[in-house]
Structures are given as structure tokens and as C-alpha cells.
Amino acid sequence: ALKIGAIIGGADANSQEELFEFGIQLGLSFQLWDDYLDVFG
């Protein structure tokens, strides 16, 4: 989602990849927290 938005916005290739990697880390954090909430939420 982040990379597609960057492409449409006219970002250079390096910025596109950096946003993609940010999304990967964000997703890992999101899922770890979701695992926790499934039990303790």
C-alpha cells in the first residue's frame, strides 16, 4: 500500500523501497501486538 502510493505520488525508486521496508516492519509490529490482544485483549 505504501509503495503503490509512492509510485502514484512520483517518488523515486529508492524512496519507494524505503517505504516498502517501513511497511514490512510496521506489519511485523502490528501482528505481534495482534497476537497479544487475541489472548489478553
All heavy atoms as atom14 arrays in JSON, in Angstrom:
{
  "sequence": "ALKIGAIIGGADANSQEELFEFGIQLGLSFQLWDDYLDVFG",
  "atom14_mask": [
    [1, 1, 1, 1, 1, 0, 0, 0, 0, 0, 0, 0, 0, 0],
    [1, 1, 1, 1, 1, 1, 1, 1, 0, 0, 0, 0, 0, 0],
    [1, 1, 1, 1, 1, 1, 1, 1, 1, 0, 0, 0, 0, 0],
    [1, 1, 1, 1, 1, 1, 1, 1, 0, 0, 0, 0, 0, 0],
    [1, 1, 1, 1, 0, 0, 0, 0, 0, 0, 0, 0, 0, 0],
    [1, 1, 1, 1, 1, 0, 0, 0, 0, 0, 0, 0, 0, 0],
    [1, 1, 1, 1, 1, 1, 1, 1, 0, 0, 0, 0, 0, 0],
    [1, 1, 1, 1, 1, 1, 1, 1, 0, 0, 0, 0, 0, 0],
    [1, 1, 1, 1, 0, 0, 0, 0, 0, 0, 0, 0, 0, 0],
    [1, 1, 1, 1, 0, 0, 0, 0, 0, 0, 0, 0, 0, 0],
    [1, 1, 1, 1, 1, 0, 0, 0, 0, 0, 0, 0, 0, 0],
    [1, 1, 1, 1, 1, 1, 1, 1, 0, 0, 0, 0, 0, 0],
    [1, 1, 1, 1, 1, 0, 0, 0, 0, 0, 0, 0, 0, 0],
    [1, 1, 1, 1, 1, 1, 1, 1, 0, 0, 0, 0, 0, 0],
    [1, 1, 1, 1, 1, 1, 0, 0, 0, 0, 0, 0, 0, 0],
    [1, 1, 1, 1, 1, 1, 1, 1, 1, 0, 0, 0, 0, 0],
    [1, 1, 1, 1, 1, 1, 1, 1, 1, 0, 0, 0, 0, 0],
    [1, 1, 1, 1, 1, 1, 1, 1, 1, 0, 0, 0, 0, 0],
    [1, 1, 1, 1, 1, 1, 1, 1, 0, 0, 0, 0, 0, 0],
    [1, 1, 1, 1, 1, 1, 1, 1, 1, 1, 1, 0, 0, 0],
    [1, 1, 1, 1, 1, 1, 1, 1, 1, 0, 0, 0, 0, 0],
    [1, 1, 1, 1, 1, 1, 1, 1, 1, 1, 1, 0, 0, 0],
    [1, 1, 1, 1, 0, 0, 0, 0, 0, 0, 0, 0, 0, 0],
    [1, 1, 1, 1, 1, 1, 1, 1, 0, 0, 0, 0, 0, 0],
    [1, 1, 1, 1, 1, 1, 1, 1, 1, 0, 0, 0, 0, 0],
    [1, 1, 1, 1, 1, 1, 1, 1, 0, 0, 0, 0, 0, 0],
    [1, 1, 1, 1, 0, 0, 0, 0, 0, 0, 0, 0, 0, 0],
    [1, 1, 1, 1, 1, 1, 1, 1, 0, 0, 0, 0, 0, 0],
    [1, 1, 1, 1, 1, 1, 0, 0, 0, 0, 0, 0, 0, 0],
    [1, 1, 1, 1, 1, 1, 1, 1, 1, 1, 1, 0, 0, 0],
    [1, 1, 1, 1, 1, 1, 1, 1, 1, 0, 0, 0, 0, 0],
    [1, 1, 1, 1, 1, 1, 1, 1, 0, 0, 0, 0, 0, 0],
    [1, 1, 1, 1, 1, 1, 1, 1, 1, 1, 1, 1, 1, 1],
    [1, 1, 1, 1, 1, 1, 1, 1, 0, 0, 0, 0, 0, 0],
    [1, 1, 1, 1, 1, 1, 1, 1, 0, 0, 0, 0, 0, 0],
    [1, 1, 1, 1, 1, 1, 1, 1, 1, 1, 1, 1, 0, 0],
    [1, 1, 1, 1, 1, 1, 1, 1, 0, 0, 0, 0, 0, 0],
    [1, 1, 1, 1, 1, 1, 1, 1, 0, 0, 0, 0, 0, 0],
    [1, 1, 1, 1, 1, 1, 1, 0, 0, 0, 0, 0, 0, 0],
    [1, 1, 1, 1, 1, 1, 1, 1, 1, 1, 1, 0, 0, 0],
    [1, 1, 1, 1, 0, 0, 0, 0, 0, 0, 0, 0, 0, 0]
  ],
  "atom14_positions": [
    [[0.83, -1.21, 0.0], [0.0, 0.0, 0.0], [0.87, 1.26, 0.0], [0.6, 2.22, -0.73], [-0.92, -0.01, 1.22], [0.0, 0.0, 0.0], [0.0, 0.0, 0.0], [0.0, 0.0, 0.0], [0.0, 0.0, 0.0], [0.0, 0.0, 0.0], [0.0, 0.0, 0.0], [0.0, 0.0, 0.0], [0.0, 0.0, 0.0], [0.0, 0.0, 0.0]],
    [[1.92, 1.24, 0.81], [2.83, 2.38, 0.87], [3.59, 2.56, -0.45], [3.75, 3.69, -0.94], [3.83, 2.19, 2.02], [3.27, 2.45, 3.42], [4.13, 1.77, 4.48], [3.17, 3.95, 3.69], [0.0, 0.0, 0.0], [0.0, 0.0, 0.0], [0.0, 0.0, 0.0], [0.0, 0.0, 0.0], [0.0, 0.0, 0.0], [0.0, 0.0, 0.0]],
    [[4.05, 1.47, -1.03], [4.8, 1.57, -2.28], [3.92, 2.04, -3.43], [4.34, 2.87, -4.25], [5.45, 0.23, -2.61], [6.38, 0.31, -3.83], [7.19, -0.96, -4.0], [8.17, -0.82, -5.17], [9.02, -2.03, -5.31], [0.0, 0.0, 0.0], [0.0, 0.0, 0.0], [0.0, 0.0, 0.0], [0.0, 0.0, 0.0], [0.0, 0.0, 0.0]],
    [[2.7, 1.52, -3.5], [1.78, 1.94, -4.56], [1.48, 3.43, -4.45], [1.47, 4.16, -5.45], [0.49, 1.1, -4.52], [0.79, -0.31, -5.04], [-0.63, 1.74, -5.32], [-0.33, -1.32, -4.84], [0.0, 0.0, 0.0], [0.0, 0.0, 0.0], [0.0, 0.0, 0.0], [0.0, 0.0, 0.0], [0.0, 0.0, 0.0], [0.0, 0.0, 0.0]],
    [[1.24, 3.91, -3.23], [1.01, 5.34, -3.04], [2.21, 6.16, -3.48], [2.06, 7.21, -4.12], [0.0, 0.0, 0.0], [0.0, 0.0, 0.0], [0.0, 0.0, 0.0], [0.0, 0.0, 0.0], [0.0, 0.0, 0.0], [0.0, 0.0, 0.0], [0.0, 0.0, 0.0], [0.0, 0.0, 0.0], [0.0, 0.0, 0.0], [0.0, 0.0, 0.0]],
    [[3.41, 5.67, -3.15], [4.64, 6.38, -3.52], [4.81, 6.44, -5.04], [5.21, 7.47, -5.6], [5.84, 5.71, -2.88], [0.0, 0.0, 0.0], [0.0, 0.0, 0.0], [0.0, 0.0, 0.0], [0.0, 0.0, 0.0], [0.0, 0.0, 0.0], [0.0, 0.0, 0.0], [0.0, 0.0, 0.0], [0.0, 0.0, 0.0], [0.0, 0.0, 0.0]],
    [[4.48, 5.35, -5.72], [4.58, 5.31, -7.18], [3.65, 6.37, -7.79], [4.05, 7.14, -8.67], [4.22, 3.91, -7.72], [5.29, 2.9, -7.32], [4.07, 3.93, -9.24], [4.89, 1.44, -7.55], [0.0, 0.0, 0.0], [0.0, 0.0, 0.0], [0.0, 0.0, 0.0], [0.0, 0.0, 0.0], [0.0, 0.0, 0.0], [0.0, 0.0, 0.0]],
    [[2.42, 6.42, -7.32], [1.45, 7.37, -7.84], [1.87, 8.81, -7.54], [1.68, 9.72, -8.36], [0.05, 7.09, -7.26], [-0.45, 5.72, -7.75], [-0.95, 8.18, -7.64], [-1.68, 5.22, -7.04], [0.0, 0.0, 0.0], [0.0, 0.0, 0.0], [0.0, 0.0, 0.0], [0.0, 0.0, 0.0], [0.0, 0.0, 0.0], [0.0, 0.0, 0.0]],
    [[2.48, 9.0, -6.37], [2.91, 10.34, -6.0], [4.15, 10.81, -6.72], [4.52, 11.99, -6.62], [0.0, 0.0, 0.0], [0.0, 0.0, 0.0], [0.0, 0.0, 0.0], [0.0, 0.0, 0.0], [0.0, 0.0, 0.0], [0.0, 0.0, 0.0], [0.0, 0.0, 0.0], [0.0, 0.0, 0.0], [0.0, 0.0, 0.0], [0.0, 0.0, 0.0]],
    [[4.83, 9.92, -7.45], [6.01, 10.31, -8.2], [7.32, 10.14, -7.46], [8.32, 10.77, -7.8], [0.0, 0.0, 0.0], [0.0, 0.0, 0.0], [0.0, 0.0, 0.0], [0.0, 0.0, 0.0], [0.0, 0.0, 0.0], [0.0, 0.0, 0.0], [0.0, 0.0, 0.0], [0.0, 0.0, 0.0], [0.0, 0.0, 0.0], [0.0, 0.0, 0.0]],
    [[7.35, 9.26, -6.46], [8.57, 9.05, -5.67], [9.63, 8.34, -6.51], [9.32, 7.57, -7.42], [8.26, 8.22, -4.44], [0.0, 0.0, 0.0], [0.0, 0.0, 0.0], [0.0, 0.0, 0.0], [0.0, 0.0, 0.0], [0.0, 0.0, 0.0], [0.0, 0.0, 0.0], [0.0, 0.0, 0.0], [0.0, 0.0, 0.0], [0.0, 0.0, 0.0]],
    [[10.9, 8.59, -6.18], [11.99, 7.87, -6.84], [12.04, 6.44, -6.33], [11.44, 6.1, -5.3], [13.33, 8.58, -6.58], [13.66, 8.66, -5.1], [14.19, 7.68, -4.56], [13.36, 9.71, -4.5], [0.0, 0.0, 0.0], [0.0, 0.0, 0.0], [0.0, 0.0, 0.0], [0.0, 0.0, 0.0], [0.0, 0.0, 0.0], [0.0, 0.0, 0.0]],
    [[12.78, 5.59, -7.03], [12.81, 4.16, -6.72], [13.33, 3.89, -5.31], [12.81, 3.0, -4.61], [13.68, 3.43, -7.74], [0.0, 0.0, 0.0], [0.0, 0.0, 0.0], [0.0, 0.0, 0.0], [0.0, 0.0, 0.0], [0.0, 0.0, 0.0], [0.0, 0.0, 0.0], [0.0, 0.0, 0.0], [0.0, 0.0, 0.0], [0.0, 0.0, 0.0]],
    [[14.33, 4.65, -4.86], [14.88, 4.44, -3.53], [13.84, 4.74, -2.45], [13.7, 3.99, -1.47], [16.11, 5.32, -3.32], [16.8, 5.05, -2.0], [17.24, 3.94, -1.73], [16.87, 6.07, -1.15], [0.0, 0.0, 0.0], [0.0, 0.0, 0.0], [0.0, 0.0, 0.0], [0.0, 0.0, 0.0], [0.0, 0.0, 0.0], [0.0, 0.0, 0.0]],
    [[13.11, 5.83, -2.62], [12.05, 6.18, -1.64], [10.95, 5.13, -1.62], [10.42, 4.79, -0.56], [11.46, 7.56, -1.98], [12.44, 8.57, -1.86], [0.0, 0.0, 0.0], [0.0, 0.0, 0.0], [0.0, 0.0, 0.0], [0.0, 0.0, 0.0], [0.0, 0.0, 0.0], [0.0, 0.0, 0.0], [0.0, 0.0, 0.0], [0.0, 0.0, 0.0]],
    [[10.61, 4.61, -2.79], [9.6, 3.55, -2.86], [10.03, 2.34, -2.04], [9.22, 1.78, -1.28], [9.39, 3.12, -4.31], [8.75, 4.17, -5.21], [8.72, 3.71, -6.66], [8.74, 2.51, -6.94], [8.69, 4.65, -7.59], [0.0, 0.0, 0.0], [0.0, 0.0, 0.0], [0.0, 0.0, 0.0], [0.0, 0.0, 0.0], [0.0, 0.0, 0.0]],
    [[11.29, 1.94, -2.17], [11.78, 0.76, -1.46], [11.89, 1.01, 0.04], [11.63, 0.12, 0.86], [13.13, 0.32, -2.02], [13.03, -0.29, -3.42], [12.02, -1.41, -3.51], [12.01, -2.29, -2.62], [11.2, -1.39, -4.45], [0.0, 0.0, 0.0], [0.0, 0.0, 0.0], [0.0, 0.0, 0.0], [0.0, 0.0, 0.0], [0.0, 0.0, 0.0]],
    [[12.28, 2.23, 0.41], [12.37, 2.55, 1.84], [10.99, 2.52, 2.49], [10.83, 2.03, 3.62], [13.01, 3.93, 2.02], [14.51, 3.93, 1.76], [15.14, 5.28, 1.97], [14.41, 6.3, 1.92], [16.37, 5.34, 2.2], [0.0, 0.0, 0.0], [0.0, 0.0, 0.0], [0.0, 0.0, 0.0], [0.0, 0.0, 0.0], [0.0, 0.0, 0.0]],
    [[9.98, 3.02, 1.8], [8.61, 2.97, 2.33], [8.11, 1.52, 2.39], [7.39, 1.15, 3.32], [7.68, 3.83, 1.48], [7.76, 5.32, 1.78], [7.13, 6.14, 0.66], [7.09, 5.65, 3.12], [0.0, 0.0, 0.0], [0.0, 0.0, 0.0], [0.0, 0.0, 0.0], [0.0, 0.0, 0.0], [0.0, 0.0, 0.0], [0.0, 0.0, 0.0]],
    [[8.48, 0.73, 1.4], [8.09, -0.69, 1.42], [8.68, -1.37, 2.64], [7.97, -2.11, 3.36], [8.57, -1.38, 0.13], [8.07, -2.79, -0.02], [6.85, -3.04, -0.64], [8.8, -3.87, 0.44], [6.37, -4.34, -0.79], [8.34, -5.17, 0.3], [7.12, -5.4, -0.32], [0.0, 0.0, 0.0], [0.0, 0.0, 0.0], [0.0, 0.0, 0.0]],
    [[9.96, -1.14, 2.92], [10.61, -1.75, 4.07], [10.0, -1.25, 5.37], [9.83, -2.02, 6.33], [12.11, -1.46, 4.05], [12.88, -2.09, 5.2], [12.72, -3.6, 5.31], [12.5, -4.27, 4.27], [12.8, -4.13, 6.44], [0.0, 0.0, 0.0], [0.0, 0.0, 0.0], [0.0, 0.0, 0.0], [0.0, 0.0, 0.0], [0.0, 0.0, 0.0]],
    [[9.66, 0.04, 5.44], [8.96, 0.57, 6.61], [7.65, -0.18, 6.83], [7.31, -0.55, 7.96], [8.69, 2.06, 6.43], [7.73, 2.63, 7.45], [8.11, 2.8, 8.77], [6.44, 3.0, 7.08], [7.21, 3.31, 9.71], [5.55, 3.51, 8.0], [5.94, 3.67, 9.31], [0.0, 0.0, 0.0], [0.0, 0.0, 0.0], [0.0, 0.0, 0.0]],
    [[6.91, -0.45, 5.74], [5.66, -1.18, 5.84], [5.85, -2.59, 6.35], [5.02, -3.11, 7.11], [0.0, 0.0, 0.0], [0.0, 0.0, 0.0], [0.0, 0.0, 0.0], [0.0, 0.0, 0.0], [0.0, 0.0, 0.0], [0.0, 0.0, 0.0], [0.0, 0.0, 0.0], [0.0, 0.0, 0.0], [0.0, 0.0, 0.0], [0.0, 0.0, 0.0]],
    [[6.95, -3.23, 5.96], [7.26, -4.58, 6.46], [7.43, -4.55, 7.97], [6.85, -5.37, 8.7], [8.52, -5.15, 5.78], [8.29, -5.4, 4.28], [8.98, -6.43, 6.48], [7.27, -6.48, 3.97], [0.0, 0.0, 0.0], [0.0, 0.0, 0.0], [0.0, 0.0, 0.0], [0.0, 0.0, 0.0], [0.0, 0.0, 0.0], [0.0, 0.0, 0.0]],
    [[8.23, -3.61, 8.47], [8.47, -3.52, 9.91], [7.2, -3.15, 10.66], [6.93, -3.66, 11.75], [9.58, -2.5, 10.2], [10.91, -2.82, 9.54], [11.43, -4.2, 9.91], [11.33, -4.62, 11.06], [11.98, -4.91, 8.94], [0.0, 0.0, 0.0], [0.0, 0.0, 0.0], [0.0, 0.0, 0.0], [0.0, 0.0, 0.0], [0.0, 0.0, 0.0]],
    [[6.41, -2.26, 10.09], [5.14, -1.87, 10.7], [4.21, -3.07, 10.82], [3.56, -3.29, 11.84], [4.47, -0.78, 9.85], [3.14, -0.21, 10.34], [3.3, 0.54, 11.66], [2.54, 0.71, 9.28], [0.0, 0.0, 0.0], [0.0, 0.0, 0.0], [0.0, 0.0, 0.0], [0.0, 0.0, 0.0], [0.0, 0.0, 0.0], [0.0, 0.0, 0.0]],
    [[4.16, -3.88, 9.76], [3.3, -5.06, 9.76], [3.72, -6.11, 10.78], [2.87, -6.73, 11.42], [0.0, 0.0, 0.0], [0.0, 0.0, 0.0], [0.0, 0.0, 0.0], [0.0, 0.0, 0.0], [0.0, 0.0, 0.0], [0.0, 0.0, 0.0], [0.0, 0.0, 0.0], [0.0, 0.0, 0.0], [0.0, 0.0, 0.0], [0.0, 0.0, 0.0]],
    [[5.03, -6.3, 10.93], [5.52, -7.25, 11.93], [5.1, -6.8, 13.33], [4.64, -7.6, 14.15], [7.04, -7.37, 11.85], [7.62, -8.0, 10.58], [9.14, -7.94, 10.61], [7.16, -9.44, 10.42], [0.0, 0.0, 0.0], [0.0, 0.0, 0.0], [0.0, 0.0, 0.0], [0.0, 0.0, 0.0], [0.0, 0.0, 0.0], [0.0, 0.0, 0.0]],
    [[5.27, -5.51, 13.61], [4.88, -4.97, 14.92], [3.38, -5.12, 15.14], [2.92, -5.5, 16.22], [5.27, -3.49, 15.01], [6.63, -3.31, 14.79], [0.0, 0.0, 0.0], [0.0, 0.0, 0.0], [0.0, 0.0, 0.0], [0.0, 0.0, 0.0], [0.0, 0.0, 0.0], [0.0, 0.0, 0.0], [0.0, 0.0, 0.0], [0.0, 0.0, 0.0]],
    [[2.61, -4.81, 14.1], [1.15, -4.9, 14.16], [0.71, -6.32, 14.51], [-0.15, -6.54, 15.37], [0.56, -4.47, 12.81], [-0.93, -4.57, 12.71], [-1.75, -3.52, 13.08], [-1.53, -5.74, 12.23], [-3.13, -3.63, 12.97], [-2.9, -5.85, 12.14], [-3.7, -4.79, 12.5], [0.0, 0.0, 0.0], [0.0, 0.0, 0.0], [0.0, 0.0, 0.0]],
    [[1.32, -7.32, 13.84], [0.89, -8.7, 14.05], [1.3, -9.22, 15.42], [0.55, -9.97, 16.06], [1.46, -9.62, 12.97], [0.9, -11.03, 13.0], [-0.61, -11.06, 12.84], [-1.14, -10.52, 11.88], [-1.32, -11.68, 13.78], [0.0, 0.0, 0.0], [0.0, 0.0, 0.0], [0.0, 0.0, 0.0], [0.0, 0.0, 0.0], [0.0, 0.0, 0.0]],
    [[2.49, -8.83, 15.91], [2.89, -9.21, 17.26], [1.9, -8.69, 18.29], [1.52, -9.39, 19.23], [4.29, -8.68, 17.56], [5.44, -9.43, 16.88], [6.72, -8.62, 16.98], [5.64, -10.8, 17.5], [0.0, 0.0, 0.0], [0.0, 0.0, 0.0], [0.0, 0.0, 0.0], [0.0, 0.0, 0.0], [0.0, 0.0, 0.0], [0.0, 0.0, 0.0]],
    [[1.48, -7.45, 18.12], [0.52, -6.85, 19.04], [-0.84, -7.52, 18.9], [-1.56, -7.73, 19.88], [0.43, -5.35, 18.78], [-0.43, -4.6, 19.75], [-1.52, -3.83, 19.45], [-0.27, -4.5, 21.18], [-2.05, -3.29, 20.6], [-1.3, -3.68, 21.67], [0.64, -5.06, 22.07], [-1.44, -3.4, 23.03], [0.5, -4.77, 23.42], [-0.52, -3.95, 23.87]],
    [[-1.21, -7.89, 17.68], [-2.49, -8.57, 17.44], [-2.49, -9.93, 18.12], [-3.51, -10.35, 18.69], [-2.72, -8.72, 15.93], [-4.15, -9.12, 15.6], [-5.07, -8.35, 15.92], [-4.35, -10.22, 15.03], [0.0, 0.0, 0.0], [0.0, 0.0, 0.0], [0.0, 0.0, 0.0], [0.0, 0.0, 0.0], [0.0, 0.0, 0.0], [0.0, 0.0, 0.0]],
    [[-1.36, -10.64, 18.07], [-1.24, -11.93, 18.77], [-1.48, -11.74, 20.28], [-2.15, -12.55, 20.93], [0.16, -12.52, 18.58], [0.38, -13.08, 17.18], [-0.56, -13.05, 16.37], [1.5, -13.54, 16.92], [0.0, 0.0, 0.0], [0.0, 0.0, 0.0], [0.0, 0.0, 0.0], [0.0, 0.0, 0.0], [0.0, 0.0, 0.0], [0.0, 0.0, 0.0]],
    [[-0.89, -10.68, 20.81], [-1.04, -10.4, 22.25], [-2.49, -10.09, 22.59], [-3.05, -10.62, 23.56], [-0.14, -9.22, 22.62], [-0.28, -8.77, 24.06], [0.45, -9.37, 25.08], [-1.17, -7.75, 24.4], [0.3, -8.97, 26.4], [-1.31, -7.34, 25.72], [-0.57, -7.95, 26.71], [-0.72, -7.56, 28.01], [0.0, 0.0, 0.0], [0.0, 0.0, 0.0]],
    [[-3.12, -9.24, 21.78], [-4.51, -8.85, 22.07], [-5.47, -10.01, 21.93], [-6.5, -10.05, 22.61], [-4.93, -7.71, 21.13], [-4.29, -6.34, 21.37], [-4.76, -5.34, 20.31], [-4.62, -5.81, 22.77], [0.0, 0.0, 0.0], [0.0, 0.0, 0.0], [0.0, 0.0, 0.0], [0.0, 0.0, 0.0], [0.0, 0.0, 0.0], [0.0, 0.0, 0.0]],
    [[-5.16, -10.96, 21.05], [-6.04, -12.12, 20.88], [-6.19, -12.87, 22.2], [-7.25, -13.45, 22.47], [-5.47, -13.06, 19.81], [-6.4, -14.22, 19.51], [-7.3, -14.05, 18.67], [-6.24, -15.29, 20.14], [0.0, 0.0, 0.0], [0.0, 0.0, 0.0], [0.0, 0.0, 0.0], [0.0, 0.0, 0.0], [0.0, 0.0, 0.0], [0.0, 0.0, 0.0]],
    [[-5.14, -12.86, 23.02], [-5.17, -13.57, 24.3], [-5.57, -12.64, 25.44], [-6.43, -12.97, 26.26], [-3.79, -14.21, 24.6], [-3.82, -14.91, 25.96], [-3.42, -15.2, 23.52], [0.0, 0.0, 0.0], [0.0, 0.0, 0.0], [0.0, 0.0, 0.0], [0.0, 0.0, 0.0], [0.0, 0.0, 0.0], [0.0, 0.0, 0.0], [0.0, 0.0, 0.0]],
    [[-4.96, -11.47, 25.5], [-5.1, -10.6, 26.67], [-6.0, -9.38, 26.44], [-6.23, -8.61, 27.37], [-3.72, -10.14, 27.13], [-2.83, -11.26, 27.56], [-1.73, -11.63, 26.8], [-3.1, -11.97, 28.72], [-0.91, -12.67, 27.19], [-2.28, -13.02, 29.12], [-1.19, -13.37, 28.36], [0.0, 0.0, 0.0], [0.0, 0.0, 0.0], [0.0, 0.0, 0.0]],
    [[-6.51, -9.2, 25.22], [-7.36, -8.04, 24.93], [-8.79, -8.26, 25.37], [-9.24, -9.38, 25.62], [0.0, 0.0, 0.0], [0.0, 0.0, 0.0], [0.0, 0.0, 0.0], [0.0, 0.0, 0.0], [0.0, 0.0, 0.0], [0.0, 0.0, 0.0], [0.0, 0.0, 0.0], [0.0, 0.0, 0.0], [0.0, 0.0, 0.0], [0.0, 0.0, 0.0]]
  ]
}
